[in-house]
Amino acid sequence: KEGKEQGYINKELSEEAMLFYIHMLKDYIQREE
């Protein structure tokens, strides 16, 4: 939110999409291989 307000993060990106990306990365990293 801070990054969007200060113009460092694209304001058109939804929070839902960014959190989806974060969760996807977290879930992938949890795999042993």
Full PDB file with SEQRES, HELIX, SHEET, SSBOND, CRYST1, ORIGX, SCALE, CONECT and MASTER records, all heavy atoms in Angstrom:
SEQRES   1 A   33  LYS GLU GLY LYS GLU GLN GLY TYR ILE ASN LYS GLU LEU          
SEQRES   2 A   33  SER GLU GLU ALA MET LEU PHE TYR ILE HIS MET LEU LYS          
SEQRES   3 A   33  ASP TYR ILE GLN ARG GLU GLU                                  
HELIX    1 AA1 GLU A    2  GLU A    5  1                                   4    
HELIX    2 AA2 GLU A   15  ILE A   29  1                                  15    
CRYST1    1.000    1.000    1.000  90.00  90.00  90.00 P 1           1          
ORIGX1      1.000000  0.000000  0.000000        0.00000                         
ORIGX2      0.000000  1.000000  0.000000        0.00000                         
ORIGX3      0.000000  0.000000  1.000000        0.00000                         
SCALE1      1.000000  0.000000  0.000000        0.00000                         
SCALE2      0.000000  1.000000  0.000000        0.00000                         
SCALE3      0.000000  0.000000  1.000000        0.00000                         
ATOM      1  N   LYS A   1       0.842  -1.208   0.000  1.00  0.00           N  
ATOM      2  CA  LYS A   1       0.000   0.000   0.000  1.00  0.00           C  
ATOM      3  C   LYS A   1       0.875   1.256   0.000  1.00  0.00           C  
ATOM      4  O   LYS A   1       0.636   2.187  -0.768  1.00  0.00           O  
ATOM      5  CB  LYS A   1      -0.911  -0.009   1.232  1.00  0.00           C  
ATOM      6  CG  LYS A   1      -1.845   1.166   1.299  1.00  0.00           C  
ATOM      7  CD  LYS A   1      -2.743   1.093   2.523  1.00  0.00           C  
ATOM      8  CE  LYS A   1      -3.628   2.319   2.550  1.00  0.00           C  
ATOM      9  NZ  LYS A   1      -4.192   2.564   3.853  1.00  0.00           N  
ATOM     10  N   GLU A   2       1.901   1.245   0.836  1.00  0.00           N  
ATOM     11  CA  GLU A   2       2.825   2.384   0.887  1.00  0.00           C  
ATOM     12  C   GLU A   2       3.522   2.575  -0.462  1.00  0.00           C  
ATOM     13  O   GLU A   2       3.654   3.706  -0.950  1.00  0.00           O  
ATOM     14  CB  GLU A   2       3.864   2.142   1.990  1.00  0.00           C  
ATOM     15  CG  GLU A   2       4.888   3.256   2.127  1.00  0.00           C  
ATOM     16  CD  GLU A   2       5.943   2.947   3.175  1.00  0.00           C  
ATOM     17  OE1 GLU A   2       5.683   2.142   4.105  1.00  0.00           O  
ATOM     18  OE2 GLU A   2       7.046   3.518   3.069  1.00  0.00           O  
ATOM     19  N   GLY A   3       3.957   1.482  -1.071  1.00  0.00           N  
ATOM     20  CA  GLY A   3       4.620   1.557  -2.373  1.00  0.00           C  
ATOM     21  C   GLY A   3       3.712   2.123  -3.447  1.00  0.00           C  
ATOM     22  O   GLY A   3       4.150   2.909  -4.293  1.00  0.00           O  
ATOM     23  N   LYS A   4       2.437   1.748  -3.404  1.00  0.00           N  
ATOM     24  CA  LYS A   4       1.461   2.291  -4.369  1.00  0.00           C  
ATOM     25  C   LYS A   4       1.245   3.780  -4.131  1.00  0.00           C  
ATOM     26  O   LYS A   4       1.250   4.574  -5.073  1.00  0.00           O  
ATOM     27  CB  LYS A   4       0.127   1.563  -4.238  1.00  0.00           C  
ATOM     28  CG  LYS A   4       0.029   0.295  -5.024  1.00  0.00           C  
ATOM     29  CD  LYS A   4      -1.389  -0.239  -4.900  1.00  0.00           C  
ATOM     30  CE  LYS A   4      -1.655  -1.289  -5.935  1.00  0.00           C  
ATOM     31  NZ  LYS A   4      -3.048  -1.726  -5.936  1.00  0.00           N  
ATOM     32  N   GLU A   5       1.042   4.151  -2.861  1.00  0.00           N  
ATOM     33  CA  GLU A   5       0.775   5.555  -2.527  1.00  0.00           C  
ATOM     34  C   GLU A   5       1.928   6.458  -2.926  1.00  0.00           C  
ATOM     35  O   GLU A   5       1.715   7.603  -3.313  1.00  0.00           O  
ATOM     36  CB  GLU A   5       0.498   5.694  -1.026  1.00  0.00           C  
ATOM     37  CG  GLU A   5      -0.843   5.142  -0.605  1.00  0.00           C  
ATOM     38  CD  GLU A   5      -1.023   5.080   0.909  1.00  0.00           C  
ATOM     39  OE1 GLU A   5      -0.058   5.377   1.662  1.00  0.00           O  
ATOM     40  OE2 GLU A   5      -2.137   4.709   1.339  1.00  0.00           O  
ATOM     41  N   GLN A   6       3.153   5.949  -2.827  1.00  0.00           N  
ATOM     42  CA  GLN A   6       4.325   6.761  -3.159  1.00  0.00           C  
ATOM     43  C   GLN A   6       4.740   6.625  -4.623  1.00  0.00           C  
ATOM     44  O   GLN A   6       5.727   7.208  -5.047  1.00  0.00           O  
ATOM     45  CB  GLN A   6       5.493   6.379  -2.242  1.00  0.00           C  
ATOM     46  CG  GLN A   6       5.235   6.730  -0.788  1.00  0.00           C  
ATOM     47  CD  GLN A   6       6.393   6.342   0.104  1.00  0.00           C  
ATOM     48  OE1 GLN A   6       7.511   6.076  -0.353  1.00  0.00           O  
ATOM     49  NE2 GLN A   6       6.144   6.321   1.400  1.00  0.00           N  
ATOM     50  N   GLY A   7       3.983   5.841  -5.399  1.00  0.00           N  
ATOM     51  CA  GLY A   7       4.248   5.725  -6.831  1.00  0.00           C  
ATOM     52  C   GLY A   7       5.328   4.738  -7.218  1.00  0.00           C  
ATOM     53  O   GLY A   7       5.788   4.743  -8.357  1.00  0.00           O  
ATOM     54  N   TYR A   8       5.751   3.897  -6.287  1.00  0.00           N  
ATOM     55  CA  TYR A   8       6.788   2.912  -6.596  1.00  0.00           C  
ATOM     56  C   TYR A   8       6.217   1.592  -7.099  1.00  0.00           C  
ATOM     57  O   TYR A   8       6.919   0.803  -7.704  1.00  0.00           O  
ATOM     58  CB  TYR A   8       7.669   2.640  -5.368  1.00  0.00           C  
ATOM     59  CG  TYR A   8       8.492   3.837  -4.976  1.00  0.00           C  
ATOM     60  CD1 TYR A   8       8.136   4.612  -3.884  1.00  0.00           C  
ATOM     61  CD2 TYR A   8       9.620   4.200  -5.714  1.00  0.00           C  
ATOM     62  CE1 TYR A   8       8.887   5.716  -3.518  1.00  0.00           C  
ATOM     63  CE2 TYR A   8      10.372   5.308  -5.358  1.00  0.00           C  
ATOM     64  CZ  TYR A   8      10.001   6.057  -4.261  1.00  0.00           C  
ATOM     65  OH  TYR A   8      10.744   7.152  -3.911  1.00  0.00           O  
ATOM     66  N   ILE A   9       4.945   1.350  -6.805  1.00  0.00           N  
ATOM     67  CA  ILE A   9       4.267   0.147  -7.273  1.00  0.00           C  
ATOM     68  C   ILE A   9       3.118   0.583  -8.170  1.00  0.00           C  
ATOM     69  O   ILE A   9       2.392   1.529  -7.843  1.00  0.00           O  
ATOM     70  CB  ILE A   9       3.729  -0.700  -6.089  1.00  0.00           C  
ATOM     71  CG1 ILE A   9       4.901  -1.245  -5.266  1.00  0.00           C  
ATOM     72  CG2 ILE A   9       2.857  -1.852  -6.582  1.00  0.00           C  
ATOM     73  CD1 ILE A   9       4.485  -2.034  -4.038  1.00  0.00           C  
ATOM     74  N   ASN A  10       2.976  -0.093  -9.277  1.00  0.00           N  
ATOM     75  CA  ASN A  10       1.922   0.206 -10.244  1.00  0.00           C  
ATOM     76  C   ASN A  10       0.560   0.227  -9.540  1.00  0.00           C  
ATOM     77  O   ASN A  10       0.126  -0.774  -8.979  1.00  0.00           O  
ATOM     78  CB  ASN A  10       1.951  -0.862 -11.342  1.00  0.00           C  
ATOM     79  CG  ASN A  10       0.954  -0.607 -12.436  1.00  0.00           C  
ATOM     80  OD1 ASN A  10       0.003   0.149 -12.281  1.00  0.00           O  
ATOM     81  ND2 ASN A  10       1.167  -1.260 -13.559  1.00  0.00           N  
ATOM     82  N   LYS A  11      -0.120   1.378  -9.590  1.00  0.00           N  
ATOM     83  CA  LYS A  11      -1.411   1.544  -8.908  1.00  0.00           C  
ATOM     84  C   LYS A  11      -2.502   0.677  -9.523  1.00  0.00           C  
ATOM     85  O   LYS A  11      -3.526   0.434  -8.902  1.00  0.00           O  
ATOM     86  CB  LYS A  11      -1.830   3.013  -8.927  1.00  0.00           C  
ATOM     87  CG  LYS A  11      -0.946   3.870  -8.067  1.00  0.00           C  
ATOM     88  CD  LYS A  11      -1.371   5.328  -8.096  1.00  0.00           C  
ATOM     89  CE  LYS A  11      -0.307   6.156  -7.441  1.00  0.00           C  
ATOM     90  NZ  LYS A  11      -0.614   6.929  -6.375  1.00  0.00           N  
ATOM     91  N   GLU A  12      -2.283   0.212 -10.736  1.00  0.00           N  
ATOM     92  CA  GLU A  12      -3.290  -0.614 -11.401  1.00  0.00           C  
ATOM     93  C   GLU A  12      -3.244  -2.073 -10.942  1.00  0.00           C  
ATOM     94  O   GLU A  12      -4.188  -2.824 -11.188  1.00  0.00           O  
ATOM     95  CB  GLU A  12      -3.105  -0.534 -12.923  1.00  0.00           C  
ATOM     96  CG  GLU A  12      -3.379   0.857 -13.469  1.00  0.00           C  
ATOM     97  CD  GLU A  12      -3.069   0.981 -14.940  1.00  0.00           C  
ATOM     98  OE1 GLU A  12      -2.966  -0.063 -15.636  1.00  0.00           O  
ATOM     99  OE2 GLU A  12      -2.900   2.116 -15.406  1.00  0.00           O  
ATOM    100  N   LEU A  13      -2.152  -2.472 -10.269  1.00  0.00           N  
ATOM    101  CA  LEU A  13      -2.071  -3.838  -9.760  1.00  0.00           C  
ATOM    102  C   LEU A  13      -2.987  -3.981  -8.550  1.00  0.00           C  
ATOM    103  O   LEU A  13      -2.929  -3.174  -7.627  1.00  0.00           O  
ATOM    104  CB  LEU A  13      -0.639  -4.179  -9.337  1.00  0.00           C  
ATOM    105  CG  LEU A  13       0.388  -4.361 -10.435  1.00  0.00           C  
ATOM    106  CD1 LEU A  13       1.773  -4.583  -9.826  1.00  0.00           C  
ATOM    107  CD2 LEU A  13       0.023  -5.537 -11.321  1.00  0.00           C  
ATOM    108  N   SER A  14      -3.814  -5.002  -8.573  1.00  0.00           N  
ATOM    109  CA  SER A  14      -4.712  -5.208  -7.434  1.00  0.00           C  
ATOM    110  C   SER A  14      -3.952  -5.867  -6.283  1.00  0.00           C  
ATOM    111  O   SER A  14      -3.008  -6.632  -6.502  1.00  0.00           O  
ATOM    112  CB  SER A  14      -5.894  -6.092  -7.830  1.00  0.00           C  
ATOM    113  OG  SER A  14      -5.472  -7.415  -8.054  1.00  0.00           O  
ATOM    114  N   GLU A  15      -4.399  -5.548  -5.077  1.00  0.00           N  
ATOM    115  CA  GLU A  15      -3.806  -6.188  -3.899  1.00  0.00           C  
ATOM    116  C   GLU A  15      -4.023  -7.699  -3.979  1.00  0.00           C  
ATOM    117  O   GLU A  15      -3.155  -8.476  -3.613  1.00  0.00           O  
ATOM    118  CB  GLU A  15      -4.439  -5.633  -2.622  1.00  0.00           C  
ATOM    119  CG  GLU A  15      -3.835  -6.229  -1.363  1.00  0.00           C  
ATOM    120  CD  GLU A  15      -4.420  -5.636  -0.099  1.00  0.00           C  
ATOM    121  OE1 GLU A  15      -4.386  -4.403   0.069  1.00  0.00           O  
ATOM    122  OE2 GLU A  15      -4.921  -6.429   0.713  1.00  0.00           O  
ATOM    123  N   GLU A  16      -5.172  -8.090  -4.482  1.00  0.00           N  
ATOM    124  CA  GLU A  16      -5.495  -9.510  -4.612  1.00  0.00           C  
ATOM    125  C   GLU A  16      -4.463 -10.225  -5.498  1.00  0.00           C  
ATOM    126  O   GLU A  16      -3.987 -11.307  -5.159  1.00  0.00           O  
ATOM    127  CB  GLU A  16      -6.901  -9.681  -5.189  1.00  0.00           C  
ATOM    128  CG  GLU A  16      -7.336 -11.117  -5.307  1.00  0.00           C  
ATOM    129  CD  GLU A  16      -8.732 -11.245  -5.917  1.00  0.00           C  
ATOM    130  OE1 GLU A  16      -9.273 -10.263  -6.458  1.00  0.00           O  
ATOM    131  OE2 GLU A  16      -9.257 -12.369  -5.861  1.00  0.00           O  
ATOM    132  N   ALA A  17      -4.096  -9.617  -6.623  1.00  0.00           N  
ATOM    133  CA  ALA A  17      -3.116 -10.229  -7.529  1.00  0.00           C  
ATOM    134  C   ALA A  17      -1.736 -10.299  -6.876  1.00  0.00           C  
ATOM    135  O   ALA A  17      -1.044 -11.318  -6.992  1.00  0.00           O  
ATOM    136  CB  ALA A  17      -3.047  -9.448  -8.836  1.00  0.00           C  
ATOM    137  N   MET A  18      -1.341  -9.234  -6.184  1.00  0.00           N  
ATOM    138  CA  MET A  18      -0.030  -9.231  -5.532  1.00  0.00           C  
ATOM    139  C   MET A  18       0.034 -10.281  -4.426  1.00  0.00           C  
ATOM    140  O   MET A  18       1.021 -11.006  -4.303  1.00  0.00           O  
ATOM    141  CB  MET A  18       0.293  -7.838  -4.991  1.00  0.00           C  
ATOM    142  CG  MET A  18       0.564  -6.822  -6.102  1.00  0.00           C  
ATOM    143  SD  MET A  18       1.096  -5.202  -5.499  1.00  0.00           S  
ATOM    144  CE  MET A  18      -0.430  -4.555  -4.827  1.00  0.00           C  
ATOM    145  N   LEU A  19      -1.036 -10.389  -3.633  1.00  0.00           N  
ATOM    146  CA  LEU A  19      -1.058 -11.390  -2.567  1.00  0.00           C  
ATOM    147  C   LEU A  19      -1.108 -12.803  -3.140  1.00  0.00           C  
ATOM    148  O   LEU A  19      -0.491 -13.721  -2.591  1.00  0.00           O  
ATOM    149  CB  LEU A  19      -2.223 -11.147  -1.618  1.00  0.00           C  
ATOM    150  CG  LEU A  19      -2.060  -9.936  -0.696  1.00  0.00           C  
ATOM    151  CD1 LEU A  19      -3.309  -9.723   0.132  1.00  0.00           C  
ATOM    152  CD2 LEU A  19      -0.834 -10.066   0.191  1.00  0.00           C  
ATOM    153  N   PHE A  20      -1.816 -12.969  -4.255  1.00  0.00           N  
ATOM    154  CA  PHE A  20      -1.846 -14.266  -4.925  1.00  0.00           C  
ATOM    155  C   PHE A  20      -0.432 -14.680  -5.329  1.00  0.00           C  
ATOM    156  O   PHE A  20      -0.010 -15.817  -5.124  1.00  0.00           O  
ATOM    157  CB  PHE A  20      -2.766 -14.223  -6.147  1.00  0.00           C  
ATOM    158  CG  PHE A  20      -2.824 -15.521  -6.897  1.00  0.00           C  
ATOM    159  CD1 PHE A  20      -3.655 -16.544  -6.480  1.00  0.00           C  
ATOM    160  CD2 PHE A  20      -2.034 -15.722  -8.027  1.00  0.00           C  
ATOM    161  CE1 PHE A  20      -3.697 -17.756  -7.171  1.00  0.00           C  
ATOM    162  CE2 PHE A  20      -2.064 -16.920  -8.710  1.00  0.00           C  
ATOM    163  CZ  PHE A  20      -2.903 -17.945  -8.282  1.00  0.00           C  
ATOM    164  N   TYR A  21       0.309 -13.738  -5.879  1.00  0.00           N  
ATOM    165  CA  TYR A  21       1.686 -13.992  -6.302  1.00  0.00           C  
ATOM    166  C   TYR A  21       2.555 -14.375  -5.096  1.00  0.00           C  
ATOM    167  O   TYR A  21       3.342 -15.325  -5.159  1.00  0.00           O  
ATOM    168  CB  TYR A  21       2.245 -12.747  -7.002  1.00  0.00           C  
ATOM    169  CG  TYR A  21       3.625 -12.942  -7.555  1.00  0.00           C  
ATOM    170  CD1 TYR A  21       3.822 -13.566  -8.778  1.00  0.00           C  
ATOM    171  CD2 TYR A  21       4.743 -12.484  -6.868  1.00  0.00           C  
ATOM    172  CE1 TYR A  21       5.099 -13.743  -9.307  1.00  0.00           C  
ATOM    173  CE2 TYR A  21       6.024 -12.662  -7.378  1.00  0.00           C  
ATOM    174  CZ  TYR A  21       6.189 -13.292  -8.590  1.00  0.00           C  
ATOM    175  OH  TYR A  21       7.447 -13.479  -9.097  1.00  0.00           O  
ATOM    176  N   ILE A  22       2.402 -13.648  -3.993  1.00  0.00           N  
ATOM    177  CA  ILE A  22       3.164 -13.927  -2.776  1.00  0.00           C  
ATOM    178  C   ILE A  22       2.832 -15.323  -2.246  1.00  0.00           C  
ATOM    179  O   ILE A  22       3.723 -16.100  -1.915  1.00  0.00           O  
ATOM    180  CB  ILE A  22       2.883 -12.851  -1.702  1.00  0.00           C  
ATOM    181  CG1 ILE A  22       3.485 -11.515  -2.140  1.00  0.00           C  
ATOM    182  CG2 ILE A  22       3.442 -13.272  -0.342  1.00  0.00           C  
ATOM    183  CD1 ILE A  22       3.010 -10.321  -1.336  1.00  0.00           C  
ATOM    184  N   HIS A  23       1.549 -15.653  -2.192  1.00  0.00           N  
ATOM    185  CA  HIS A  23       1.138 -16.974  -1.705  1.00  0.00           C  
ATOM    186  C   HIS A  23       1.654 -18.082  -2.626  1.00  0.00           C  
ATOM    187  O   HIS A  23       2.094 -19.136  -2.152  1.00  0.00           O  
ATOM    188  CB  HIS A  23      -0.387 -17.070  -1.596  1.00  0.00           C  
ATOM    189  CG  HIS A  23      -0.988 -16.179  -0.564  1.00  0.00           C  
ATOM    190  ND1 HIS A  23      -0.456 -15.991   0.692  1.00  0.00           N  
ATOM    191  CD2 HIS A  23      -2.098 -15.402  -0.600  1.00  0.00           C  
ATOM    192  CE1 HIS A  23      -1.202 -15.148   1.380  1.00  0.00           C  
ATOM    193  NE2 HIS A  23      -2.199 -14.770   0.611  1.00  0.00           N  
ATOM    194  N   MET A  24       1.606 -17.834  -3.910  1.00  0.00           N  
ATOM    195  CA  MET A  24       2.085 -18.817  -4.878  1.00  0.00           C  
ATOM    196  C   MET A  24       3.581 -19.081  -4.667  1.00  0.00           C  
ATOM    197  O   MET A  24       4.025 -20.235  -4.641  1.00  0.00           O  
ATOM    198  CB  MET A  24       1.821 -18.286  -6.293  1.00  0.00           C  
ATOM    199  CG  MET A  24       2.157 -19.236  -7.416  1.00  0.00           C  
ATOM    200  SD  MET A  24       1.695 -18.549  -9.032  1.00  0.00           S  
ATOM    201  CE  MET A  24       2.714 -17.073  -9.111  1.00  0.00           C  
ATOM    202  N   LEU A  25       4.345 -18.022  -4.484  1.00  0.00           N  
ATOM    203  CA  LEU A  25       5.778 -18.142  -4.245  1.00  0.00           C  
ATOM    204  C   LEU A  25       6.033 -18.895  -2.940  1.00  0.00           C  
ATOM    205  O   LEU A  25       6.864 -19.814  -2.887  1.00  0.00           O  
ATOM    206  CB  LEU A  25       6.405 -16.743  -4.200  1.00  0.00           C  
ATOM    207  CG  LEU A  25       7.913 -16.645  -4.092  1.00  0.00           C  
ATOM    208  CD1 LEU A  25       8.595 -17.339  -5.265  1.00  0.00           C  
ATOM    209  CD2 LEU A  25       8.342 -15.186  -4.025  1.00  0.00           C  
ATOM    210  N   LYS A  26       5.320 -18.547  -1.886  1.00  0.00           N  
ATOM    211  CA  LYS A  26       5.472 -19.212  -0.589  1.00  0.00           C  
ATOM    212  C   LYS A  26       5.162 -20.702  -0.702  1.00  0.00           C  
ATOM    213  O   LYS A  26       5.910 -21.545  -0.217  1.00  0.00           O  
ATOM    214  CB  LYS A  26       4.574 -18.564   0.457  1.00  0.00           C  
ATOM    215  CG  LYS A  26       4.622 -19.261   1.817  1.00  0.00           C  
ATOM    216  CD  LYS A  26       3.451 -18.927   2.686  1.00  0.00           C  
ATOM    217  CE  LYS A  26       2.148 -19.440   2.244  1.00  0.00           C  
ATOM    218  NZ  LYS A  26       1.864 -20.853   2.466  1.00  0.00           N  
ATOM    219  N   ASP A  27       4.058 -21.020  -1.354  1.00  0.00           N  
ATOM    220  CA  ASP A  27       3.669 -22.433  -1.497  1.00  0.00           C  
ATOM    221  C   ASP A  27       4.709 -23.227  -2.283  1.00  0.00           C  
ATOM    222  O   ASP A  27       5.009 -24.370  -1.952  1.00  0.00           O  
ATOM    223  CB  ASP A  27       2.295 -22.558  -2.170  1.00  0.00           C  
ATOM    224  CG  ASP A  27       1.162 -22.095  -1.273  1.00  0.00           C  
ATOM    225  OD1 ASP A  27       1.374 -21.960  -0.044  1.00  0.00           O  
ATOM    226  OD2 ASP A  27       0.057 -21.865  -1.800  1.00  0.00           O  
ATOM    227  N   TYR A  28       5.270 -22.627  -3.306  1.00  0.00           N  
ATOM    228  CA  TYR A  28       6.275 -23.310  -4.117  1.00  0.00           C  
ATOM    229  C   TYR A  28       7.555 -23.542  -3.310  1.00  0.00           C  
ATOM    230  O   TYR A  28       8.159 -24.616  -3.361  1.00  0.00           O  
ATOM    231  CB  TYR A  28       6.559 -22.501  -5.381  1.00  0.00           C  
ATOM    232  CG  TYR A  28       7.481 -23.209  -6.345  1.00  0.00           C  
ATOM    233  CD1 TYR A  28       7.063 -24.351  -7.025  1.00  0.00           C  
ATOM    234  CD2 TYR A  28       8.775 -22.754  -6.555  1.00  0.00           C  
ATOM    235  CE1 TYR A  28       7.911 -25.009  -7.903  1.00  0.00           C  
ATOM    236  CE2 TYR A  28       9.629 -23.402  -7.434  1.00  0.00           C  
ATOM    237  CZ  TYR A  28       9.194 -24.533  -8.101  1.00  0.00           C  
ATOM    238  OH  TYR A  28      10.040 -25.186  -8.958  1.00  0.00           O  
ATOM    239  N   ILE A  29       7.959 -22.529  -2.545  1.00  0.00           N  
ATOM    240  CA  ILE A  29       9.190 -22.622  -1.762  1.00  0.00           C  
ATOM    241  C   ILE A  29       9.089 -23.711  -0.692  1.00  0.00           C  
ATOM    242  O   ILE A  29      10.089 -24.283  -0.283  1.00  0.00           O  
ATOM    243  CB  ILE A  29       9.532 -21.245  -1.141  1.00  0.00           C  
ATOM    244  CG1 ILE A  29      10.009 -20.293  -2.238  1.00  0.00           C  
ATOM    245  CG2 ILE A  29      10.591 -21.361  -0.058  1.00  0.00           C  
ATOM    246  CD1 ILE A  29      10.185 -18.863  -1.777  1.00  0.00           C  
ATOM    247  N   GLN A  30       7.896 -24.024  -0.250  1.00  0.00           N  
ATOM    248  CA  GLN A  30       7.713 -25.044   0.790  1.00  0.00           C  
ATOM    249  C   GLN A  30       7.951 -26.467   0.289  1.00  0.00           C  
ATOM    250  O   GLN A  30       8.088 -27.377   1.099  1.00  0.00           O  
ATOM    251  CB  GLN A  30       6.302 -24.954   1.379  1.00  0.00           C  
ATOM    252  CG  GLN A  30       6.128 -23.758   2.286  1.00  0.00           C  
ATOM    253  CD  GLN A  30       4.731 -23.705   2.839  1.00  0.00           C  
ATOM    254  OE1 GLN A  30       3.771 -23.492   2.096  1.00  0.00           O  
ATOM    255  NE2 GLN A  30       4.602 -23.883   4.130  1.00  0.00           N  
ATOM    256  N   ARG A  31       8.017 -26.675  -0.995  1.00  0.00           N  
ATOM    257  CA  ARG A  31       8.234 -28.017  -1.542  1.00  0.00           C  
ATOM    258  C   ARG A  31       9.684 -28.427  -1.318  1.00  0.00           C  
ATOM    259  O   ARG A  31      10.603 -27.655  -1.571  1.00  0.00           O  
ATOM    260  CB  ARG A  31       7.867 -28.042  -3.020  1.00  0.00           C  
ATOM    261  CG  ARG A  31       6.378 -27.810  -3.235  1.00  0.00           C  
ATOM    262  CD  ARG A  31       5.975 -27.531  -4.634  1.00  0.00           C  
ATOM    263  NE  ARG A  31       6.579 -28.411  -5.613  1.00  0.00           N  
ATOM    264  CZ  ARG A  31       6.418 -28.261  -6.915  1.00  0.00           C  
ATOM    265  NH1 ARG A  31       5.657 -27.295  -7.389  1.00  0.00           N  
ATOM    266  NH2 ARG A  31       6.990 -29.088  -7.759  1.00  0.00           N  
ATOM    267  N   GLU A  32       9.887 -29.657  -0.857  1.00  0.00           N  
ATOM    268  CA  GLU A  32      11.225 -30.111  -0.489  1.00  0.00           C  
ATOM    269  C   GLU A  32      12.225 -30.020  -1.638  1.00  0.00           C  
ATOM    270  O   GLU A  32      13.358 -29.565  -1.455  1.00  0.00           O  
ATOM    271  CB  GLU A  32      11.182 -31.540   0.044  1.00  0.00           C  
ATOM    272  CG  GLU A  32      12.519 -31.998   0.589  1.00  0.00           C  
ATOM    273  CD  GLU A  32      12.461 -33.339   1.291  1.00  0.00           C  
ATOM    274  OE1 GLU A  32      11.367 -33.931   1.397  1.00  0.00           O  
ATOM    275  OE2 GLU A  32      13.522 -33.794   1.721  1.00  0.00           O  
ATOM    276  N   GLU A  33      11.817 -30.404  -2.834  1.00  0.00           N  
ATOM    277  CA  GLU A  33      12.757 -30.355  -3.962  1.00  0.00           C  
ATOM    278  C   GLU A  33      13.137 -28.922  -4.323  1.00  0.00           C  
ATOM    279  O   GLU A  33      14.156 -28.675  -4.959  1.00  0.00           O  
ATOM    280  CB  GLU A  33      12.203 -31.092  -5.186  1.00  0.00           C  
ATOM    281  CG  GLU A  33      11.021 -30.431  -5.868  1.00  0.00           C  
ATOM    282  CD  GLU A  33       9.646 -30.774  -5.287  1.00  0.00           C  
ATOM    283  OE1 GLU A  33       9.574 -31.363  -4.199  1.00  0.00           O  
ATOM    284  OE2 GLU A  33       8.650 -30.432  -5.933  1.00  0.00           O  
TER     285      GLU A  33                                                      
MASTER        0    0    0    2    0    0    0    6  284    1    0    3          
END                                                                             
